[in-house]
Amino acid sequence: MAIVWALVAGLIVGLLAKLVLPGRQPVPLWLTVLIGAVGALLGNALASYLGVRHTGGIDWVRHLLQVGVAAVLIAAATPMYSGRRR
């Protein structure tokens, strides 16, 4: 069941990351989910390092870090897919 939740979180984080980036990113959905999951894991690690992973209420800083890391990863992956056709 943890794998399903990781994929759902990857989808949400990946799609939010694509929304904050300007322009169109021709990255396929499967890669968006994968990058979102990796971004969520790295964002959690960064939040732990900064000491903001567990706060009272909703962990907004942790979620912003997750989406930010995923946005950087999607921006890095976009040039590989910009010249390809579907």
PDB file of N, CA and C in Angstrom:
ATOM      1  N   MET A   1       0.818  -1.188   0.000  1.00  0.00           N
ATOM      2  CA  MET A   1       0.000   0.000   0.000  1.00  0.00           C
ATOM      3  C   MET A   1       0.865   1.256   0.000  1.00  0.00           C
ATOM      4  N   ALA A   2       2.076   1.168   0.541  1.00  0.00           N
ATOM      5  CA  ALA A   2       2.970   2.324   0.573  1.00  0.00           C
ATOM      6  C   ALA A   2       3.372   2.748  -0.838  1.00  0.00           C
ATOM      7  N   ILE A   3       3.501   1.794  -1.736  1.00  0.00           N
ATOM      8  CA  ILE A   3       3.867   2.116  -3.118  1.00  0.00           C
ATOM      9  C   ILE A   3       2.752   2.912  -3.785  1.00  0.00           C
ATOM     10  N   VAL A   4       1.509   2.548  -3.519  1.00  0.00           N
ATOM     11  CA  VAL A   4       0.371   3.271  -4.095  1.00  0.00           C
ATOM     12  C   VAL A   4       0.356   4.708  -3.592  1.00  0.00           C
ATOM     13  N   TRP A   5       0.573   4.906  -2.288  1.00  0.00           N
ATOM     14  CA  TRP A   5       0.595   6.255  -1.740  1.00  0.00           C
ATOM     15  C   TRP A   5       1.765   7.060  -2.286  1.00  0.00           C
ATOM     16  N   ALA A   6       2.904   6.411  -2.502  1.00  0.00           N
ATOM     17  CA  ALA A   6       4.059   7.108  -3.075  1.00  0.00           C
ATOM     18  C   ALA A   6       3.757   7.555  -4.504  1.00  0.00           C
ATOM     19  N   LEU A   7       3.049   6.725  -5.265  1.00  0.00           N
ATOM     20  CA  LEU A   7       2.678   7.100  -6.634  1.00  0.00           C
ATOM     21  C   LEU A   7       1.658   8.232  -6.649  1.00  0.00           C
ATOM     22  N   VAL A   8       0.692   8.181  -5.741  1.00  0.00           N
ATOM     23  CA  VAL A   8      -0.302   9.259  -5.657  1.00  0.00           C
ATOM     24  C   VAL A   8       0.375  10.564  -5.255  1.00  0.00           C
ATOM     25  N   ALA A   9       1.250  10.498  -4.260  1.00  0.00           N
ATOM     26  CA  ALA A   9       1.984  11.701  -3.839  1.00  0.00           C
ATOM     27  C   ALA A   9       2.873  12.198  -4.970  1.00  0.00           C
ATOM     28  N   GLY A  10       3.512  11.290  -5.694  1.00  0.00           N
ATOM     29  CA  GLY A  10       4.348  11.672  -6.834  1.00  0.00           C
ATOM     30  C   GLY A  10       3.546  12.355  -7.922  1.00  0.00           C
ATOM     31  N   LEU A  11       2.337  11.862  -8.163  1.00  0.00           N
ATOM     32  CA  LEU A  11       1.469  12.484  -9.165  1.00  0.00           C
ATOM     33  C   LEU A  11       1.094  13.901  -8.741  1.00  0.00           C
ATOM     34  N   ILE A  12       0.682  14.057  -7.509  1.00  0.00           N
ATOM     35  CA  ILE A  12       0.254  15.375  -7.026  1.00  0.00           C
ATOM     36  C   ILE A  12       1.425  16.354  -7.009  1.00  0.00           C
ATOM     37  N   VAL A  13       2.553  15.946  -6.453  1.00  0.00           N
ATOM     38  CA  VAL A  13       3.713  16.830  -6.369  1.00  0.00           C
ATOM     39  C   VAL A  13       4.241  17.148  -7.765  1.00  0.00           C
ATOM     40  N   GLY A  14       4.277  16.148  -8.632  1.00  0.00           N
ATOM     41  CA  GLY A  14       4.760  16.366  -9.999  1.00  0.00           C
ATOM     42  C   GLY A  14       3.875  17.316 -10.786  1.00  0.00           C
ATOM     43  N   LEU A  15       2.564  17.161 -10.680  1.00  0.00           N
ATOM     44  CA  LEU A  15       1.650  18.056 -11.395  1.00  0.00           C
ATOM     45  C   LEU A  15       1.710  19.476 -10.840  1.00  0.00           C
ATOM     46  N   LEU A  16       1.837  19.613  -9.524  1.00  0.00           N
ATOM     47  CA  LEU A  16       1.992  20.950  -8.943  1.00  0.00           C
ATOM     48  C   LEU A  16       3.299  21.599  -9.399  1.00  0.00           C
ATOM     49  N   ALA A  17       4.347  20.789  -9.509  1.00  0.00           N
ATOM     50  CA  ALA A  17       5.631  21.313  -9.979  1.00  0.00           C
ATOM     51  C   ALA A  17       5.524  21.787 -11.425  1.00  0.00           C
ATOM     52  N   LYS A  18       4.793  21.050 -12.260  1.00  0.00           N
ATOM     53  CA  LYS A  18       4.609  21.488 -13.645  1.00  0.00           C
ATOM     54  C   LYS A  18       3.776  22.761 -13.713  1.00  0.00           C
ATOM     55  N   LEU A  19       2.861  22.940 -12.767  1.00  0.00           N
ATOM     56  CA  LEU A  19       2.044  24.150 -12.756  1.00  0.00           C
ATOM     57  C   LEU A  19       2.848  25.400 -12.404  1.00  0.00           C
ATOM     58  N   VAL A  20       3.836  25.273 -11.529  1.00  0.00           N
ATOM     59  CA  VAL A  20       4.599  26.454 -11.124  1.00  0.00           C
ATOM     60  C   VAL A  20       5.659  26.831 -12.148  1.00  0.00           C
ATOM     61  N   LEU A  21       5.999  25.927 -13.039  1.00  0.00           N
ATOM     62  CA  LEU A  21       6.986  26.243 -14.071  1.00  0.00           C
ATOM     63  C   LEU A  21       6.319  26.984 -15.220  1.00  0.00           C
ATOM     64  N   PRO A  22       6.984  28.004 -15.762  1.00  0.00           N
ATOM     65  CA  PRO A  22       6.389  28.716 -16.889  1.00  0.00           C
ATOM     66  C   PRO A  22       6.490  27.900 -18.178  1.00  0.00           C
ATOM     67  N   GLY A  23       5.539  28.105 -19.048  1.00  0.00           N
ATOM     68  CA  GLY A  23       5.564  27.431 -20.346  1.00  0.00           C
ATOM     69  C   GLY A  23       5.078  26.001 -20.272  1.00  0.00           C
ATOM     70  N   ARG A  24       5.311  25.291 -21.367  1.00  0.00           N
ATOM     71  CA  ARG A  24       4.862  23.905 -21.485  1.00  0.00           C
ATOM     72  C   ARG A  24       6.053  22.981 -21.263  1.00  0.00           C
ATOM     73  N   GLN A  25       5.833  21.934 -20.513  1.00  0.00           N
ATOM     74  CA  GLN A  25       6.860  20.919 -20.293  1.00  0.00           C
ATOM     75  C   GLN A  25       6.377  19.627 -20.949  1.00  0.00           C
ATOM     76  N   PRO A  26       7.048  19.192 -22.014  1.00  0.00           N
ATOM     77  CA  PRO A  26       6.610  17.986 -22.718  1.00  0.00           C
ATOM     78  C   PRO A  26       7.066  16.688 -22.048  1.00  0.00           C
ATOM     79  N   VAL A  27       7.149  16.688 -20.755  1.00  0.00           N
ATOM     80  CA  VAL A  27       7.560  15.502 -20.001  1.00  0.00           C
ATOM     81  C   VAL A  27       6.354  14.570 -19.891  1.00  0.00           C
ATOM     82  N   PRO A  28       6.517  13.276 -20.213  1.00  0.00           N
ATOM     83  CA  PRO A  28       5.372  12.359 -20.123  1.00  0.00           C
ATOM     84  C   PRO A  28       4.878  12.177 -18.684  1.00  0.00           C
ATOM     85  N   LEU A  29       3.646  11.702 -18.561  1.00  0.00           N
ATOM     86  CA  LEU A  29       3.013  11.553 -17.246  1.00  0.00           C
ATOM     87  C   LEU A  29       3.780  10.583 -16.348  1.00  0.00           C
ATOM     88  N   TRP A  30       4.270   9.489 -16.911  1.00  0.00           N
ATOM     89  CA  TRP A  30       4.988   8.516 -16.085  1.00  0.00           C
ATOM     90  C   TRP A  30       6.246   9.139 -15.486  1.00  0.00           C
ATOM     91  N   LEU A  31       6.916  10.010 -16.260  1.00  0.00           N
ATOM     92  CA  LEU A  31       8.118  10.656 -15.742  1.00  0.00           C
ATOM     93  C   LEU A  31       7.758  11.757 -14.748  1.00  0.00           C
ATOM     94  N   THR A  32       6.618  12.396 -14.955  1.00  0.00           N
ATOM     95  CA  THR A  32       6.139  13.397 -13.994  1.00  0.00           C
ATOM     96  C   THR A  32       5.885  12.752 -12.639  1.00  0.00           C
ATOM     97  N   VAL A  33       5.257  11.580 -12.636  1.00  0.00           N
ATOM     98  CA  VAL A  33       4.994  10.858 -11.388  1.00  0.00           C
ATOM     99  C   VAL A  33       6.309  10.445 -10.730  1.00  0.00           C
ATOM    100  N   LEU A  34       7.232   9.925 -11.524  1.00  0.00           N
ATOM    101  CA  LEU A  34       8.519   9.488 -10.986  1.00  0.00           C
ATOM    102  C   LEU A  34       9.301  10.673 -10.408  1.00  0.00           C
ATOM    103  N   ILE A  35       9.347  11.773 -11.145  1.00  0.00           N
ATOM    104  CA  ILE A  35      10.054  12.964 -10.660  1.00  0.00           C
ATOM    105  C   ILE A  35       9.343  13.536  -9.431  1.00  0.00           C
ATOM    106  N   GLY A  36       8.021  13.507  -9.416  1.00  0.00           N
ATOM    107  CA  GLY A  36       7.279  13.977  -8.250  1.00  0.00           C
ATOM    108  C   GLY A  36       7.587  13.157  -7.009  1.00  0.00           C
ATOM    109  N   ALA A  37       7.689  11.836  -7.170  1.00  0.00           N
ATOM    110  CA  ALA A  37       8.015  10.974  -6.030  1.00  0.00           C
ATOM    111  C   ALA A  37       9.436  11.238  -5.534  1.00  0.00           C
ATOM    112  N   VAL A  38      10.368  11.389  -6.461  1.00  0.00           N
ATOM    113  CA  VAL A  38      11.747  11.690  -6.068  1.00  0.00           C
ATOM    114  C   VAL A  38      11.824  13.069  -5.422  1.00  0.00           C
ATOM    115  N   GLY A  39      11.091  14.033  -5.990  1.00  0.00           N
ATOM    116  CA  GLY A  39      11.060  15.371  -5.407  1.00  0.00           C
ATOM    117  C   GLY A  39      10.476  15.372  -4.002  1.00  0.00           C
ATOM    118  N   ALA A  40       9.449  14.544  -3.787  1.00  0.00           N
ATOM    119  CA  ALA A  40       8.859  14.443  -2.451  1.00  0.00           C
ATOM    120  C   ALA A  40       9.856  13.861  -1.459  1.00  0.00           C
ATOM    121  N   LEU A  41      10.589  12.833  -1.867  1.00  0.00           N
ATOM    122  CA  LEU A  41      11.583  12.230  -0.972  1.00  0.00           C
ATOM    123  C   LEU A  41      12.720  13.201  -0.667  1.00  0.00           C
ATOM    124  N   LEU A  42      13.234  13.867  -1.708  1.00  0.00           N
ATOM    125  CA  LEU A  42      14.324  14.815  -1.490  1.00  0.00           C
ATOM    126  C   LEU A  42      13.846  16.042  -0.714  1.00  0.00           C
ATOM    127  N   GLY A  43      12.612  16.465  -0.959  1.00  0.00           N
ATOM    128  CA  GLY A  43      12.047  17.579  -0.196  1.00  0.00           C
ATOM    129  C   GLY A  43      11.893  17.239   1.269  1.00  0.00           C
ATOM    130  N   ASN A  44      11.497  16.002   1.559  1.00  0.00           N
ATOM    131  CA  ASN A  44      11.415  15.553   2.956  1.00  0.00           C
ATOM    132  C   ASN A  44      12.793  15.547   3.613  1.00  0.00           C
ATOM    133  N   ALA A  45      13.787  15.066   2.869  1.00  0.00           N
ATOM    134  CA  ALA A  45      15.142  15.040   3.415  1.00  0.00           C
ATOM    135  C   ALA A  45      15.656  16.447   3.675  1.00  0.00           C
ATOM    136  N   LEU A  46      15.381  17.366   2.748  1.00  0.00           N
ATOM    137  CA  LEU A  46      15.802  18.746   2.931  1.00  0.00           C
ATOM    138  C   LEU A  46      15.076  19.399   4.106  1.00  0.00           C
ATOM    139  N   ALA A  47      13.784  19.100   4.251  1.00  0.00           N
ATOM    140  CA  ALA A  47      13.020  19.635   5.379  1.00  0.00           C
ATOM    141  C   ALA A  47      13.558  19.097   6.710  1.00  0.00           C
ATOM    142  N   SER A  48      13.938  17.830   6.733  1.00  0.00           N
ATOM    143  CA  SER A  48      14.531  17.266   7.950  1.00  0.00           C
ATOM    144  C   SER A  48      15.855  17.940   8.270  1.00  0.00           C
ATOM    145  N   TYR A  49      16.654  18.159   7.238  1.00  0.00           N
ATOM    146  CA  TYR A  49      17.950  18.809   7.432  1.00  0.00           C
ATOM    147  C   TYR A  49      17.783  20.228   7.973  1.00  0.00           C
ATOM    148  N   LEU A  50      16.767  20.941   7.468  1.00  0.00           N
ATOM    149  CA  LEU A  50      16.515  22.307   7.911  1.00  0.00           C
ATOM    150  C   LEU A  50      15.742  22.371   9.222  1.00  0.00           C
ATOM    151  N   GLY A  51      15.217  21.228   9.680  1.00  0.00           N
ATOM    152  CA  GLY A  51      14.492  21.175  10.944  1.00  0.00           C
ATOM    153  C   GLY A  51      13.051  21.642  10.863  1.00  0.00           C
ATOM    154  N   VAL A  52      12.454  21.582   9.675  1.00  0.00           N
ATOM    155  CA  VAL A  52      11.069  22.031   9.509  1.00  0.00           C
ATOM    156  C   VAL A  52      10.149  20.919   9.020  1.00  0.00           C
ATOM    157  N   ARG A  53      10.567  19.680   9.165  1.00  0.00           N
ATOM    158  CA  ARG A  53       9.757  18.577   8.656  1.00  0.00           C
ATOM    159  C   ARG A  53       8.481  18.393   9.466  1.00  0.00           C
ATOM    160  N   HIS A  54       8.585  18.439  10.776  1.00  0.00           N
ATOM    161  CA  HIS A  54       7.420  18.238  11.635  1.00  0.00           C
ATOM    162  C   HIS A  54       7.126  19.530  12.387  1.00  0.00           C
ATOM    163  N   THR A  55       6.035  20.149  12.022  1.00  0.00           N
ATOM    164  CA  THR A  55       5.601  21.368  12.702  1.00  0.00           C
ATOM    165  C   THR A  55       4.159  21.174  13.145  1.00  0.00           C
ATOM    166  N   GLY A  56       3.648  22.082  13.941  1.00  0.00           N
ATOM    167  CA  GLY A  56       2.258  22.000  14.362  1.00  0.00           C
ATOM    168  C   GLY A  56       1.336  22.312  13.194  1.00  0.00           C
ATOM    169  N   GLY A  57       0.347  21.484  12.980  1.00  0.00           N
ATOM    170  CA  GLY A  57      -0.596  21.713  11.880  1.00  0.00           C
ATOM    171  C   GLY A  57      -0.066  21.160  10.575  1.00  0.00           C
ATOM    172  N   ILE A  58      -0.403  21.831   9.481  1.00  0.00           N
ATOM    173  CA  ILE A  58       0.019  21.390   8.153  1.00  0.00           C
ATOM    174  C   ILE A  58       1.459  21.833   7.916  1.00  0.00           C
ATOM    175  N   ASP A  59       2.259  20.952   7.389  1.00  0.00           N
ATOM    176  CA  ASP A  59       3.680  21.236   7.144  1.00  0.00           C
ATOM    177  C   ASP A  59       3.844  21.941   5.798  1.00  0.00           C
ATOM    178  N   TRP A  60       3.468  23.212   5.737  1.00  0.00           N
ATOM    179  CA  TRP A  60       3.505  23.954   4.478  1.00  0.00           C
ATOM    180  C   TRP A  60       4.913  24.079   3.932  1.00  0.00           C
ATOM    181  N   VAL A  61       5.882  24.314   4.798  1.00  0.00           N
ATOM    182  CA  VAL A  61       7.260  24.486   4.337  1.00  0.00           C
ATOM    183  C   VAL A  61       7.762  23.195   3.707  1.00  0.00           C
ATOM    184  N   ARG A  62       7.452  22.073   4.311  1.00  0.00           N
ATOM    185  CA  ARG A  62       7.871  20.775   3.760  1.00  0.00           C
ATOM    186  C   ARG A  62       7.248  20.558   2.395  1.00  0.00           C
ATOM    187  N   HIS A  63       5.956  20.878   2.258  1.00  0.00           N
ATOM    188  CA  HIS A  63       5.287  20.683   0.980  1.00  0.00           C
ATOM    189  C   HIS A  63       5.842  21.622  -0.089  1.00  0.00           C
ATOM    190  N   LEU A  64       6.145  22.849   0.287  1.00  0.00           N
ATOM    191  CA  LEU A  64       6.750  23.783  -0.674  1.00  0.00           C
ATOM    192  C   LEU A  64       8.132  23.307  -1.113  1.00  0.00           C
ATOM    193  N   LEU A  65       8.886  22.749  -0.183  1.00  0.00           N
ATOM    194  CA  LEU A  65      10.196  22.202  -0.548  1.00  0.00           C
ATOM    195  C   LEU A  65      10.049  21.013  -1.494  1.00  0.00           C
ATOM    196  N   GLN A  66       9.069  20.156  -1.261  1.00  0.00           N
ATOM    197  CA  GLN A  66       8.836  19.011  -2.143  1.00  0.00           C
ATOM    198  C   GLN A  66       8.509  19.473  -3.562  1.00  0.00           C
ATOM    199  N   VAL A  67       7.594  20.421  -3.679  1.00  0.00           N
ATOM    200  CA  VAL A  67       7.202  20.912  -5.002  1.00  0.00           C
ATOM    201  C   VAL A  67       8.369  21.658  -5.647  1.00  0.00           C
ATOM    202  N   GLY A  68       9.120  22.403  -4.868  1.00  0.00           N
ATOM    203  CA  GLY A  68      10.269  23.127  -5.404  1.00  0.00           C
ATOM    204  C   GLY A  68      11.338  22.205  -5.959  1.00  0.00           C
ATOM    205  N   VAL A  69      11.656  21.160  -5.224  1.00  0.00           N
ATOM    206  CA  VAL A  69      12.652  20.194  -5.696  1.00  0.00           C
ATOM    207  C   VAL A  69      12.150  19.496  -6.959  1.00  0.00           C
ATOM    208  N   ALA A  70      10.881  19.114  -6.968  1.00  0.00           N
ATOM    209  CA  ALA A  70      10.317  18.461  -8.156  1.00  0.00           C
ATOM    210  C   ALA A  70      10.314  19.415  -9.348  1.00  0.00           C
ATOM    211  N   ALA A  71      10.050  20.701  -9.127  1.00  0.00           N
ATOM    212  CA  ALA A  71      10.069  21.675 -10.217  1.00  0.00           C
ATOM    213  C   ALA A  71      11.466  21.799 -10.814  1.00  0.00           C
ATOM    214  N   VAL A  72      12.476  21.799  -9.969  1.00  0.00           N
ATOM    215  CA  VAL A  72      13.854  21.855 -10.466  1.00  0.00           C
ATOM    216  C   VAL A  72      14.171  20.610 -11.286  1.00  0.00           C
ATOM    217  N   LEU A  73      13.737  19.448 -10.817  1.00  0.00           N
ATOM    218  CA  LEU A  73      13.997  18.203 -11.543  1.00  0.00           C
ATOM    219  C   LEU A  73      13.246  18.162 -12.874  1.00  0.00           C
ATOM    220  N   ILE A  74      12.014  18.637 -12.899  1.00  0.00           N
ATOM    221  CA  ILE A  74      11.259  18.668 -14.156  1.00  0.00           C
ATOM    222  C   ILE A  74      11.882  19.671 -15.119  1.00  0.00           C
ATOM    223  N   ALA A  75      12.321  20.814 -14.617  1.00  0.00           N
ATOM    224  CA  ALA A  75      12.996  21.787 -15.472  1.00  0.00           C
ATOM    225  C   ALA A  75      14.281  21.206 -16.062  1.00  0.00           C
ATOM    226  N   ALA A  76      14.970  20.365 -15.302  1.00  0.00           N
ATOM    227  CA  ALA A  76      16.183  19.725 -15.804  1.00  0.00           C
ATOM    228  C   ALA A  76      15.870  18.640 -16.829  1.00  0.00           C
ATOM    229  N   ALA A  77      14.721  17.968 -16.689  1.00  0.00           N
ATOM    230  CA  ALA A  77      14.353  16.890 -17.607  1.00  0.00           C
ATOM    231  C   ALA A  77      13.686  17.402 -18.880  1.00  0.00           C
ATOM    232  N   THR A  78      13.148  18.607 -18.860  1.00  0.00           N
ATOM    233  CA  THR A  78      12.409  19.134 -20.011  1.00  0.00           C
ATOM    234  C   THR A  78      13.243  19.209 -21.287  1.00  0.00           C
ATOM    235  N   PRO A  79      14.497  19.658 -21.272  1.00  0.00           N
ATOM    236  CA  PRO A  79      15.254  19.722 -22.534  1.00  0.00           C
ATOM    237  C   PRO A  79      15.425  18.375 -23.225  1.00  0.00           C
ATOM    238  N   MET A  80      15.411  17.294 -22.472  1.00  0.00           N
ATOM    239  CA  MET A  80      15.549  15.967 -23.083  1.00  0.00           C
ATOM    240  C   MET A  80      14.319  15.586 -23.895  1.00  0.00           C
ATOM    241  N   TYR A  81      13.153  16.140 -23.539  1.00  0.00           N
ATOM    242  CA  TYR A  81      11.910  15.774 -24.207  1.00  0.00           C
ATOM    243  C   TYR A  81      11.394  16.874 -25.124  1.00  0.00           C
ATOM    244  N   SER A  82      12.041  18.033 -25.165  1.00  0.00           N
ATOM    245  CA  SER A  82      11.502  19.149 -25.951  1.00  0.00           C
ATOM    246  C   SER A  82      11.598  18.912 -27.445  1.00  0.00           C
ATOM    247  N   GLY A  83      12.569  18.143 -27.897  1.00  0.00           N
ATOM    248  CA  GLY A  83      12.721  17.888 -29.334  1.00  0.00           C
ATOM    249  C   GLY A  83      12.028  16.635 -29.815  1.00  0.00           C
ATOM    250  N   ARG A  84      11.454  15.860 -28.935  1.00  0.00           N
ATOM    251  CA  ARG A  84      10.821  14.598 -29.323  1.00  0.00           C
ATOM    252  C   ARG A  84       9.361  14.797 -29.712  1.00  0.00           C
ATOM    253  N   ARG A  85       8.907  13.904 -30.577  1.00  0.00           N
ATOM    254  CA  ARG A  85       7.495  13.909 -30.941  1.00  0.00           C
ATOM    255  C   ARG A  85       6.805  12.786 -30.204  1.00  0.00           C
ATOM    256  N   ARG A  86       5.487  12.948 -29.993  1.00  0.00           N
ATOM    257  CA  ARG A  86       4.736  11.913 -29.288  1.00  0.00           C
ATOM    258  C   ARG A  86       4.319  10.814 -30.210  1.00  0.00           C
TER     259      ARG A  86
END
